[in-house]
Amino acid sequence: MRERVEAARARQAARFGEGKITTNANMGPTQVRDHCPIDETGRQLLGAAMRQMGLSARAYHRVLKLARTIADLAGEERIHTAHLAEAIQYRPRRQA
């Protein structure tokens, strides 16, 4: 596990370069747009989650940042639908 985390940190450092941002968690909306592209299937999944779970725009970005981190830990360059699904499952459910 330690090696995976170190590799993910190295991937993030390479992604952000020498700027102020050093981790996915520190990304703002512009960086999320630039570094967290998702395909149409991913957009549909995230859209459905937003509607069903009542997620805000801020929560949308948090899910994308977490999915980016999950992809980094998996050694993937792109965010796949499975990474989004995992990130969504960590969101707390709203009480009815």
N, C-alpha and C. Protein backbone atom coordinates (compact mmCIF):
# COMPACT_ATOMS: atom_id res chain seq x y z
N MET A 1 0.83 -1.19 0.00
CA MET A 1 0.00 0.00 0.00
C MET A 1 0.87 1.26 0.00
N ARG A 2 1.94 1.22 0.76
CA ARG A 2 2.82 2.39 0.83
C ARG A 2 3.35 2.77 -0.55
N GLU A 3 3.72 1.76 -1.33
CA GLU A 3 4.25 2.01 -2.66
C GLU A 3 3.20 2.66 -3.57
N ARG A 4 1.95 2.20 -3.44
CA ARG A 4 0.87 2.77 -4.24
C ARG A 4 0.65 4.24 -3.90
N VAL A 5 0.68 4.55 -2.62
CA VAL A 5 0.48 5.94 -2.18
C VAL A 5 1.64 6.81 -2.67
N GLU A 6 2.86 6.31 -2.54
CA GLU A 6 4.02 7.08 -3.00
C GLU A 6 3.96 7.30 -4.51
N ALA A 7 3.54 6.27 -5.25
CA ALA A 7 3.42 6.41 -6.71
C ALA A 7 2.32 7.41 -7.06
N ALA A 8 1.21 7.38 -6.32
CA ALA A 8 0.12 8.33 -6.57
C ALA A 8 0.57 9.76 -6.27
N ARG A 9 1.32 9.94 -5.19
CA ARG A 9 1.84 11.28 -4.86
C ARG A 9 2.80 11.77 -5.94
N ALA A 10 3.63 10.87 -6.45
CA ALA A 10 4.56 11.24 -7.52
C ALA A 10 3.79 11.62 -8.79
N ARG A 11 2.73 10.90 -9.08
CA ARG A 11 1.90 11.19 -10.24
C ARG A 11 1.26 12.58 -10.10
N GLN A 12 0.80 12.89 -8.89
CA GLN A 12 0.20 14.20 -8.65
C GLN A 12 1.24 15.31 -8.75
N ALA A 13 2.42 15.08 -8.21
CA ALA A 13 3.49 16.08 -8.29
C ALA A 13 3.85 16.36 -9.74
N ALA A 14 3.90 15.32 -10.56
CA ALA A 14 4.21 15.49 -11.98
C ALA A 14 3.07 16.25 -12.68
N ARG A 15 1.85 15.98 -12.29
CA ARG A 15 0.69 16.62 -12.90
C ARG A 15 0.67 18.11 -12.63
N PHE A 16 0.97 18.50 -11.39
CA PHE A 16 0.83 19.90 -11.00
C PHE A 16 2.12 20.70 -11.12
N GLY A 17 3.23 20.04 -11.29
CA GLY A 17 4.49 20.74 -11.46
C GLY A 17 4.90 21.51 -10.23
N GLU A 18 5.43 22.70 -10.43
CA GLU A 18 5.97 23.50 -9.34
C GLU A 18 4.98 24.52 -8.78
N GLY A 19 3.72 24.40 -9.13
CA GLY A 19 2.72 25.36 -8.67
C GLY A 19 2.37 25.19 -7.21
N LYS A 20 1.39 25.97 -6.78
CA LYS A 20 0.95 25.93 -5.39
C LYS A 20 0.19 24.65 -5.07
N ILE A 21 -0.46 24.08 -6.07
CA ILE A 21 -1.24 22.86 -5.86
C ILE A 21 -0.30 21.67 -5.85
N THR A 22 -0.44 20.82 -4.83
CA THR A 22 0.42 19.63 -4.75
C THR A 22 -0.37 18.33 -4.71
N THR A 23 -1.67 18.41 -4.40
CA THR A 23 -2.49 17.20 -4.34
C THR A 23 -3.82 17.44 -5.04
N ASN A 24 -4.48 16.34 -5.38
CA ASN A 24 -5.79 16.44 -6.02
C ASN A 24 -6.79 17.19 -5.14
N ALA A 25 -6.68 17.01 -3.85
CA ALA A 25 -7.62 17.66 -2.92
C ALA A 25 -7.55 19.18 -3.01
N ASN A 26 -6.43 19.73 -3.43
CA ASN A 26 -6.25 21.18 -3.51
C ASN A 26 -6.72 21.78 -4.82
N MET A 27 -7.20 20.96 -5.75
CA MET A 27 -7.63 21.48 -7.05
C MET A 27 -8.86 22.37 -6.91
N GLY A 28 -8.85 23.46 -7.66
CA GLY A 28 -10.03 24.30 -7.79
C GLY A 28 -10.82 23.86 -9.01
N PRO A 29 -11.94 24.54 -9.29
CA PRO A 29 -12.78 24.14 -10.43
C PRO A 29 -12.05 24.10 -11.77
N THR A 30 -11.14 25.04 -12.02
CA THR A 30 -10.41 25.04 -13.28
C THR A 30 -9.51 23.83 -13.40
N GLN A 31 -8.80 23.49 -12.32
CA GLN A 31 -7.93 22.32 -12.34
C GLN A 31 -8.75 21.03 -12.46
N VAL A 32 -9.90 20.99 -11.80
CA VAL A 32 -10.76 19.80 -11.91
C VAL A 32 -11.16 19.61 -13.37
N ARG A 33 -11.55 20.68 -14.03
CA ARG A 33 -11.93 20.60 -15.44
C ARG A 33 -10.76 20.12 -16.29
N ASP A 34 -9.56 20.60 -16.00
CA ASP A 34 -8.39 20.25 -16.79
C ASP A 34 -7.86 18.85 -16.52
N HIS A 35 -7.92 18.40 -15.27
CA HIS A 35 -7.26 17.15 -14.88
C HIS A 35 -8.20 15.99 -14.57
N CYS A 36 -9.51 16.22 -14.66
CA CYS A 36 -10.47 15.17 -14.32
C CYS A 36 -11.49 14.94 -15.44
N PRO A 37 -11.02 14.74 -16.67
CA PRO A 37 -11.99 14.49 -17.74
C PRO A 37 -12.64 13.12 -17.55
N ILE A 38 -13.93 13.05 -17.87
CA ILE A 38 -14.63 11.77 -17.81
C ILE A 38 -15.37 11.56 -19.12
N ASP A 39 -15.60 10.30 -19.47
CA ASP A 39 -16.29 9.99 -20.72
C ASP A 39 -17.81 10.11 -20.53
N GLU A 40 -18.54 9.87 -21.59
CA GLU A 40 -20.00 10.03 -21.56
C GLU A 40 -20.65 9.10 -20.54
N THR A 41 -20.17 7.87 -20.44
CA THR A 41 -20.72 6.94 -19.46
C THR A 41 -20.51 7.47 -18.05
N GLY A 42 -19.33 8.02 -17.79
CA GLY A 42 -19.04 8.60 -16.49
C GLY A 42 -19.92 9.81 -16.20
N ARG A 43 -20.15 10.63 -17.22
CA ARG A 43 -21.02 11.80 -17.05
C ARG A 43 -22.45 11.36 -16.71
N GLN A 44 -22.91 10.32 -17.37
CA GLN A 44 -24.26 9.81 -17.08
C GLN A 44 -24.35 9.27 -15.66
N LEU A 45 -23.33 8.51 -15.24
CA LEU A 45 -23.31 7.97 -13.89
C LEU A 45 -23.31 9.09 -12.85
N LEU A 46 -22.45 10.06 -13.05
CA LEU A 46 -22.35 11.17 -12.10
C LEU A 46 -23.62 12.02 -12.10
N GLY A 47 -24.21 12.22 -13.27
CA GLY A 47 -25.46 12.96 -13.36
C GLY A 47 -26.59 12.25 -12.61
N ALA A 48 -26.66 10.94 -12.77
CA ALA A 48 -27.69 10.16 -12.06
C ALA A 48 -27.47 10.24 -10.55
N ALA A 49 -26.22 10.16 -10.13
CA ALA A 49 -25.91 10.26 -8.70
C ALA A 49 -26.29 11.63 -8.16
N MET A 50 -26.03 12.68 -8.94
CA MET A 50 -26.38 14.03 -8.50
C MET A 50 -27.89 14.15 -8.28
N ARG A 51 -28.65 13.61 -9.23
CA ARG A 51 -30.12 13.69 -9.11
C ARG A 51 -30.62 12.85 -7.94
N GLN A 52 -30.18 11.62 -7.85
CA GLN A 52 -30.69 10.70 -6.83
C GLN A 52 -30.24 11.08 -5.43
N MET A 53 -29.02 11.59 -5.32
CA MET A 53 -28.47 11.90 -4.00
C MET A 53 -28.58 13.38 -3.66
N GLY A 54 -29.05 14.18 -4.61
CA GLY A 54 -29.18 15.62 -4.36
C GLY A 54 -27.84 16.30 -4.16
N LEU A 55 -26.84 15.92 -4.96
CA LEU A 55 -25.50 16.49 -4.80
C LEU A 55 -25.43 17.91 -5.35
N SER A 56 -24.67 18.74 -4.68
CA SER A 56 -24.44 20.12 -5.13
C SER A 56 -23.27 20.14 -6.12
N ALA A 57 -23.03 21.30 -6.71
CA ALA A 57 -21.89 21.47 -7.61
C ALA A 57 -20.58 21.23 -6.85
N ARG A 58 -20.53 21.67 -5.62
CA ARG A 58 -19.34 21.44 -4.80
C ARG A 58 -19.11 19.94 -4.58
N ALA A 59 -20.18 19.22 -4.29
CA ALA A 59 -20.07 17.77 -4.10
C ALA A 59 -19.65 17.08 -5.40
N TYR A 60 -20.14 17.58 -6.53
CA TYR A 60 -19.76 17.06 -7.85
C TYR A 60 -18.24 17.13 -8.01
N HIS A 61 -17.67 18.28 -7.69
CA HIS A 61 -16.22 18.45 -7.80
C HIS A 61 -15.48 17.57 -6.80
N ARG A 62 -16.02 17.41 -5.62
CA ARG A 62 -15.38 16.53 -4.63
C ARG A 62 -15.34 15.09 -5.12
N VAL A 63 -16.43 14.64 -5.73
CA VAL A 63 -16.46 13.28 -6.28
C VAL A 63 -15.42 13.14 -7.37
N LEU A 64 -15.31 14.13 -8.25
CA LEU A 64 -14.31 14.07 -9.32
C LEU A 64 -12.89 14.04 -8.76
N LYS A 65 -12.62 14.85 -7.75
CA LYS A 65 -11.28 14.86 -7.15
C LYS A 65 -10.96 13.53 -6.50
N LEU A 66 -11.94 12.95 -5.82
CA LEU A 66 -11.73 11.65 -5.20
C LEU A 66 -11.53 10.57 -6.26
N ALA A 67 -12.31 10.62 -7.33
CA ALA A 67 -12.15 9.66 -8.43
C ALA A 67 -10.76 9.79 -9.05
N ARG A 68 -10.26 11.03 -9.17
CA ARG A 68 -8.91 11.25 -9.70
C ARG A 68 -7.88 10.60 -8.80
N THR A 69 -8.06 10.71 -7.48
CA THR A 69 -7.14 10.10 -6.52
C THR A 69 -7.22 8.58 -6.60
N ILE A 70 -8.42 8.04 -6.71
CA ILE A 70 -8.59 6.58 -6.83
C ILE A 70 -7.90 6.08 -8.09
N ALA A 71 -8.05 6.81 -9.19
CA ALA A 71 -7.37 6.44 -10.43
C ALA A 71 -5.85 6.51 -10.26
N ASP A 72 -5.36 7.54 -9.57
CA ASP A 72 -3.92 7.64 -9.31
C ASP A 72 -3.42 6.46 -8.49
N LEU A 73 -4.17 6.07 -7.48
CA LEU A 73 -3.78 4.91 -6.65
C LEU A 73 -3.77 3.62 -7.46
N ALA A 74 -4.65 3.55 -8.46
CA ALA A 74 -4.72 2.37 -9.33
C ALA A 74 -3.67 2.42 -10.44
N GLY A 75 -2.93 3.52 -10.52
CA GLY A 75 -1.91 3.66 -11.55
C GLY A 75 -2.47 3.99 -12.92
N GLU A 76 -3.67 4.55 -12.95
CA GLU A 76 -4.34 4.87 -14.21
C GLU A 76 -4.18 6.35 -14.55
N GLU A 77 -4.00 6.62 -15.83
CA GLU A 77 -3.90 8.01 -16.29
C GLU A 77 -5.28 8.66 -16.41
N ARG A 78 -6.28 7.86 -16.76
CA ARG A 78 -7.63 8.37 -16.96
C ARG A 78 -8.55 7.90 -15.85
N ILE A 79 -9.58 8.69 -15.59
CA ILE A 79 -10.62 8.30 -14.64
C ILE A 79 -11.60 7.40 -15.38
N HIS A 80 -11.79 6.20 -14.86
CA HIS A 80 -12.74 5.25 -15.46
C HIS A 80 -14.04 5.26 -14.66
N THR A 81 -15.06 4.69 -15.23
CA THR A 81 -16.37 4.64 -14.58
C THR A 81 -16.28 3.97 -13.22
N ALA A 82 -15.46 2.93 -13.11
CA ALA A 82 -15.30 2.23 -11.82
C ALA A 82 -14.74 3.16 -10.76
N HIS A 83 -13.84 4.06 -11.14
CA HIS A 83 -13.28 5.02 -10.18
C HIS A 83 -14.37 5.98 -9.71
N LEU A 84 -15.22 6.43 -10.63
CA LEU A 84 -16.33 7.31 -10.26
C LEU A 84 -17.31 6.59 -9.34
N ALA A 85 -17.64 5.35 -9.69
CA ALA A 85 -18.59 4.58 -8.87
C ALA A 85 -18.06 4.41 -7.45
N GLU A 86 -16.76 4.14 -7.33
CA GLU A 86 -16.18 4.01 -5.99
C GLU A 86 -16.25 5.33 -5.23
N ALA A 87 -15.92 6.42 -5.91
CA ALA A 87 -15.97 7.74 -5.25
C ALA A 87 -17.39 8.08 -4.82
N ILE A 88 -18.37 7.76 -5.64
CA ILE A 88 -19.77 8.05 -5.32
C ILE A 88 -20.21 7.26 -4.09
N GLN A 89 -19.76 6.02 -3.99
CA GLN A 89 -20.21 5.20 -2.86
C GLN A 89 -19.73 5.74 -1.52
N TYR A 90 -18.70 6.55 -1.51
CA TYR A 90 -18.20 7.13 -0.26
C TYR A 90 -19.01 8.35 0.19
N ARG A 91 -19.89 8.85 -0.68
CA ARG A 91 -20.72 10.01 -0.31
C ARG A 91 -21.75 9.58 0.72
N PRO A 92 -21.96 10.39 1.74
CA PRO A 92 -23.01 10.05 2.71
C PRO A 92 -24.39 10.16 2.07
N ARG A 93 -25.26 9.29 2.47
CA ARG A 93 -26.64 9.30 1.97
C ARG A 93 -27.44 10.35 2.73
N ARG A 94 -28.31 11.05 2.01
CA ARG A 94 -29.19 12.04 2.66
C ARG A 94 -30.30 11.31 3.37
N GLN A 95 -30.66 11.81 4.52
CA GLN A 95 -31.78 11.24 5.28
C GLN A 95 -33.09 11.79 4.74
N ALA A 96 -34.06 10.92 4.58
CA ALA A 96 -35.37 11.34 4.04
C ALA A 96 -36.22 11.98 5.12
